[in-house]
Amino acid sequence: MEACHILVVEDDQDINKLLCRILEGAGYQCRPAFSGSEALLWAERYEYDLVMLDLMLPGLTGEEFIAQIRRKKTMPILVLSAKAALEDRVAVLRLGADDFIPKPFDNDEVLARVEAQLRRYKQFSAGGGGAVLTCGDLALDREGVSVTAAGKPVSLTAREFEILALLMAHPKKVFTREQLYQQVWGGEYMGDDNTVNVHISNLRAKLAKASPAEYIKTVWGIGFKMADL
C-alpha cells in the first residue's frame, strides 16, 4: 500500500524535524516547509494526503495559506499552533481547517489525530458506489465528489462533503452533534467542542450562495437533519 504524503508546515526547525520524525516513524512520507509561501508552492505543485500547519509563519500566515489552498484542494488540514484561544480555533475551522491541536502537543495525540483524519479522508475519497443523493434541487455525487444546488456547483471541503453525504444518506434521521462528530471525525466528542457547529455553518453558507433553499434543518435541543423539500 502506498504511503500517505504529509506536508509539515512549521518554521521552527526543531519542531518541524520532530513532527517529521513522529510521522515517518509511523510510515508516512513527509515534506517539510518552513514558511507559508513555501508551503503554498509545494501544495499547489504536488498532491498531499494531509497538511500539518502552524499559524504563525513567515511569508504567508497559516490563515492565509488555508484561505488560498481551499480554493483548489480538499485534503485535511490539521492546525498545530500556540494560538489556541477559542476565537483562534473557530476562525481557522471557519476558513477550512479540519482539526486543531494546541501547542505544546503530545506526540501520541498528534499521531492519533493524523490517523483519524487520513482514515476519514480515504473513506470519503473512495466514494460510495457511485450513488447520487438528492434533496429537492440539491444533488451530491459520491463517485464524482461533487455537489450542485439549483444546478450550480458548490465547492466543499472533504469534511463538509462528508457531513452533507451523511445527512443526505439518512434524510429522516436527526443527527446529534456527538453522532456527527463521531461518524465524520472518528473521535471522542467533547461537549464544548464547536467544531461541528462551525462546519455546519460553513456548509450552509456555501449552499446559500447557490440557492435560497434551506437544505439543513436545525432541530433545537437535538441536532441537525435534512429539510423536507
Protein backbone atom coordinates (compact mmCIF):
# COMPACT_ATOMS: atom_id res chain seq x y z
CA MET A 1 0.00 0.00 0.00
CA GLU A 2 1.39 3.38 -1.00
CA ALA A 3 2.46 5.59 1.91
CA CYS A 4 0.46 8.74 2.61
CA HIS A 5 2.22 12.01 1.89
CA ILE A 6 2.07 14.76 4.51
CA LEU A 7 3.18 18.38 4.16
CA VAL A 8 4.57 19.59 7.50
CA VAL A 9 4.49 23.40 7.69
CA GLU A 10 6.36 24.73 10.73
CA ASP A 11 9.01 27.47 10.79
CA ASP A 12 10.74 26.17 13.92
CA GLN A 13 13.26 23.69 12.51
CA ASP A 14 13.44 21.57 15.67
CA ILE A 15 9.65 21.20 15.89
CA ASN A 16 9.41 20.52 12.17
CA LYS A 17 12.07 17.83 12.47
CA LEU A 18 10.28 16.30 15.48
CA LEU A 19 6.93 16.17 13.68
CA CYS A 20 8.51 14.58 10.60
CA ARG A 21 10.25 12.01 12.82
CA ILE A 22 6.95 11.12 14.56
CA LEU A 23 5.11 10.75 11.27
CA GLU A 24 7.86 8.96 9.37
CA GLY A 25 8.18 6.53 12.27
CA ALA A 26 4.53 5.60 11.61
CA GLY A 27 5.22 5.00 7.92
CA TYR A 28 4.20 8.35 6.42
CA GLN A 29 6.24 10.31 3.89
CA CYS A 30 6.83 13.93 4.91
CA ARG A 31 7.91 17.06 3.13
CA PRO A 32 8.96 19.89 5.46
CA ALA A 33 8.11 23.52 4.68
CA PHE A 34 9.30 26.44 6.78
CA SER A 35 7.09 29.30 5.56
CA GLY A 36 3.54 29.77 4.34
CA SER A 37 4.68 30.78 0.87
CA GLU A 38 6.90 27.68 0.55
CA ALA A 39 4.01 25.51 1.72
CA LEU A 40 1.66 27.02 -0.87
CA LEU A 41 4.22 26.33 -3.60
CA TRP A 42 4.51 22.66 -2.64
CA ALA A 43 0.75 22.21 -2.08
CA GLU A 44 -0.10 23.63 -5.50
CA ARG A 45 2.59 21.61 -7.27
CA TYR A 46 2.04 18.19 -5.64
CA GLU A 47 -0.80 16.17 -4.14
CA TYR A 48 -0.69 15.64 -0.37
CA ASP A 49 -2.98 13.47 1.73
CA LEU A 50 -2.78 15.86 4.70
CA VAL A 51 -1.25 19.20 5.69
CA MET A 52 0.00 19.80 9.23
CA LEU A 53 0.08 23.57 9.65
CA ASP A 54 1.41 26.12 12.12
CA LEU A 55 -0.32 29.52 12.05
CA MET A 56 2.47 31.97 12.90
CA LEU A 57 4.63 31.62 9.80
CA PRO A 58 6.91 33.89 7.76
CA GLY A 59 5.64 34.75 4.29
CA LEU A 60 2.01 33.74 4.22
CA THR A 61 0.42 33.16 7.62
CA GLY A 62 -1.26 29.84 8.30
CA GLU A 63 -4.66 31.52 7.96
CA GLU A 64 -3.72 32.96 4.57
CA PHE A 65 -2.45 29.56 3.43
CA ILE A 66 -5.78 27.91 4.35
CA ALA A 67 -7.81 30.58 2.56
CA GLN A 68 -5.77 30.24 -0.63
CA ILE A 69 -5.40 26.45 -0.78
CA ARG A 70 -9.07 25.80 -0.02
CA ARG A 71 -9.97 27.35 -3.39
CA LYS A 72 -8.31 24.36 -5.07
CA LYS A 73 -7.69 21.47 -2.65
CA THR A 74 -9.80 19.39 -0.25
CA MET A 75 -7.18 17.37 1.69
CA PRO A 76 -7.42 17.55 5.50
CA ILE A 77 -5.61 20.45 7.19
CA LEU A 78 -4.60 19.83 10.80
CA VAL A 79 -3.59 23.06 12.53
CA LEU A 80 -0.99 22.80 15.30
CA SER A 81 -0.48 26.15 16.98
CA ALA A 82 0.16 28.06 20.20
CA LYS A 83 -2.67 30.40 19.13
CA ALA A 84 -5.16 28.21 20.95
CA ALA A 85 -7.80 30.67 22.18
CA LEU A 86 -11.38 29.72 21.29
CA GLU A 87 -11.68 32.54 18.76
CA ASP A 88 -8.49 31.39 17.01
CA ARG A 89 -9.71 27.78 16.78
CA VAL A 90 -13.12 28.84 15.48
CA ALA A 91 -11.54 31.20 12.94
CA VAL A 92 -9.34 28.55 11.34
CA LEU A 93 -12.16 26.00 11.31
CA ARG A 94 -14.34 28.54 9.53
CA LEU A 95 -11.57 29.09 6.99
CA GLY A 96 -11.49 25.39 6.19
CA ALA A 97 -9.18 23.64 8.66
CA ASP A 98 -10.36 20.20 9.78
CA ASP A 99 -8.85 19.90 13.25
CA PHE A 100 -6.81 21.90 15.78
CA ILE A 101 -4.12 20.74 18.21
CA PRO A 102 -2.78 23.32 20.69
CA LYS A 103 0.94 23.62 21.45
CA PRO A 104 2.65 22.22 23.42
CA PHE A 105 1.42 18.95 21.93
CA ASP A 106 1.55 15.29 22.90
CA ASN A 107 3.30 13.11 20.30
CA ASP A 108 0.80 10.26 20.59
CA GLU A 109 -2.16 12.64 20.21
CA VAL A 110 -0.66 14.16 17.07
CA LEU A 111 -0.27 10.72 15.52
CA ALA A 112 -3.76 9.61 16.57
CA ARG A 113 -5.39 12.72 15.09
CA VAL A 114 -3.44 12.36 11.85
CA GLU A 115 -4.53 8.73 11.57
CA ALA A 116 -8.18 9.67 12.21
CA GLN A 117 -8.11 12.44 9.59
CA LEU A 118 -6.48 10.23 6.97
CA ARG A 119 -8.84 7.33 7.66
CA ARG A 120 -11.89 9.53 7.15
CA TYR A 121 -10.42 11.26 4.11
CA LYS A 122 -9.59 7.95 2.43
CA GLN A 123 -13.10 6.66 3.08
CA PHE A 124 -14.55 9.85 1.64
CA SER A 125 -12.25 9.79 -1.39
CA ALA A 126 -13.18 6.20 -2.14
CA GLY A 127 -16.75 7.30 -2.74
CA GLY A 128 -19.89 5.30 -2.08
CA GLY A 129 -20.54 3.07 -5.05
CA GLY A 130 -21.33 5.93 -7.42
CA ALA A 131 -24.60 6.79 -5.67
CA VAL A 132 -26.08 10.20 -6.38
CA LEU A 133 -28.03 11.55 -3.41
CA THR A 134 -30.70 14.21 -3.87
CA CYS A 135 -32.78 16.51 -1.69
CA GLY A 136 -35.00 18.85 -3.69
CA ASP A 137 -32.67 20.53 -6.18
CA LEU A 138 -29.59 19.59 -4.13
CA ALA A 139 -27.54 16.73 -5.60
CA LEU A 140 -24.43 15.02 -4.22
CA ASP A 141 -22.40 12.67 -6.41
CA ARG A 142 -20.28 10.41 -4.20
CA GLU A 143 -18.19 8.97 -7.01
CA GLY A 144 -17.64 12.29 -8.77
CA VAL A 145 -17.15 14.02 -5.39
CA SER A 146 -19.33 16.92 -6.50
CA VAL A 147 -22.31 18.87 -5.18
CA THR A 148 -24.78 21.06 -7.05
CA ALA A 149 -27.57 23.23 -5.63
CA ALA A 150 -30.18 24.60 -8.04
CA GLY A 151 -27.91 23.37 -10.82
CA LYS A 152 -24.95 25.41 -9.60
CA PRO A 153 -21.72 23.72 -8.45
CA VAL A 154 -20.86 24.04 -4.76
CA SER A 155 -17.22 23.67 -3.70
CA LEU A 156 -16.88 21.91 -0.33
CA THR A 157 -14.00 20.72 1.81
CA ALA A 158 -13.67 17.00 2.43
CA ARG A 159 -15.22 17.31 5.88
CA GLU A 160 -18.16 19.43 4.66
CA PHE A 161 -18.79 16.93 1.85
CA GLU A 162 -18.78 14.05 4.31
CA ILE A 163 -21.23 15.78 6.67
CA LEU A 164 -23.61 16.54 3.81
CA ALA A 165 -23.33 12.99 2.43
CA LEU A 166 -24.16 11.55 5.85
CA LEU A 167 -27.20 13.79 6.29
CA MET A 168 -28.44 13.15 2.74
CA ALA A 169 -27.98 9.39 3.06
CA HIS A 170 -30.36 9.43 6.06
CA PRO A 171 -32.76 12.30 5.26
CA LYS A 172 -35.28 11.49 8.01
CA LYS A 173 -32.72 10.99 10.78
CA VAL A 174 -31.82 13.73 13.25
CA PHE A 175 -28.09 13.59 14.00
CA THR A 176 -26.82 14.94 17.30
CA ARG A 177 -23.56 16.89 17.30
CA GLU A 178 -21.95 13.94 19.06
CA GLN A 179 -23.10 11.50 16.36
CA LEU A 180 -21.86 13.76 13.56
CA TYR A 181 -18.50 14.21 15.24
CA GLN A 182 -18.02 10.51 15.90
CA GLN A 183 -19.01 9.45 12.37
CA VAL A 184 -17.26 12.23 10.42
CA TRP A 185 -14.19 12.89 12.58
CA GLY A 186 -13.90 9.44 14.09
CA GLY A 187 -13.01 10.67 17.56
CA GLU A 188 -14.50 11.18 21.00
CA TYR A 189 -16.82 14.18 21.16
CA MET A 190 -16.13 16.84 23.79
CA GLY A 191 -19.33 18.62 24.77
CA ASP A 192 -17.85 22.12 24.50
CA ASP A 193 -16.24 21.46 21.09
CA ASN A 194 -17.50 23.96 18.50
CA THR A 195 -16.16 22.02 15.51
CA VAL A 196 -19.48 20.58 14.32
CA ASN A 197 -21.33 23.90 14.58
CA VAL A 198 -18.62 25.71 12.61
CA HIS A 199 -18.62 23.13 9.80
CA ILE A 200 -22.42 23.12 9.58
CA SER A 201 -22.35 26.93 9.42
CA ASN A 202 -19.74 26.87 6.65
CA LEU A 203 -21.73 24.25 4.75
CA ARG A 204 -24.94 26.26 4.98
CA ALA A 205 -23.20 29.45 3.85
CA LYS A 206 -21.78 27.75 0.75
CA LEU A 207 -25.11 26.20 -0.17
CA ALA A 208 -26.85 29.55 0.35
CA LYS A 209 -24.60 31.17 -2.27
CA ALA A 210 -26.02 28.76 -4.85
CA SER A 211 -29.65 28.58 -3.77
CA PRO A 212 -32.01 30.33 -1.32
CA ALA A 213 -33.45 26.97 -0.25
CA GLU A 214 -32.77 25.87 3.32
CA TYR A 215 -31.41 22.34 2.96
CA ILE A 216 -30.18 21.63 6.50
CA LYS A 217 -32.63 21.98 9.36
CA THR A 218 -31.68 22.59 12.98
CA VAL A 219 -33.76 20.53 15.39
CA TRP A 220 -33.38 22.63 18.51
CA GLY A 221 -32.02 20.82 21.50
CA ILE A 222 -31.13 17.74 19.44
CA GLY A 223 -29.07 18.38 16.31
CA PHE A 224 -29.41 18.53 12.50
CA LYS A 225 -31.26 16.81 9.67
CA MET A 226 -32.09 17.40 6.03
CA ALA A 227 -35.07 19.69 5.46
CA ASP A 228 -38.23 18.25 3.88
CA LEU A 229 -38.08 19.72 0.37
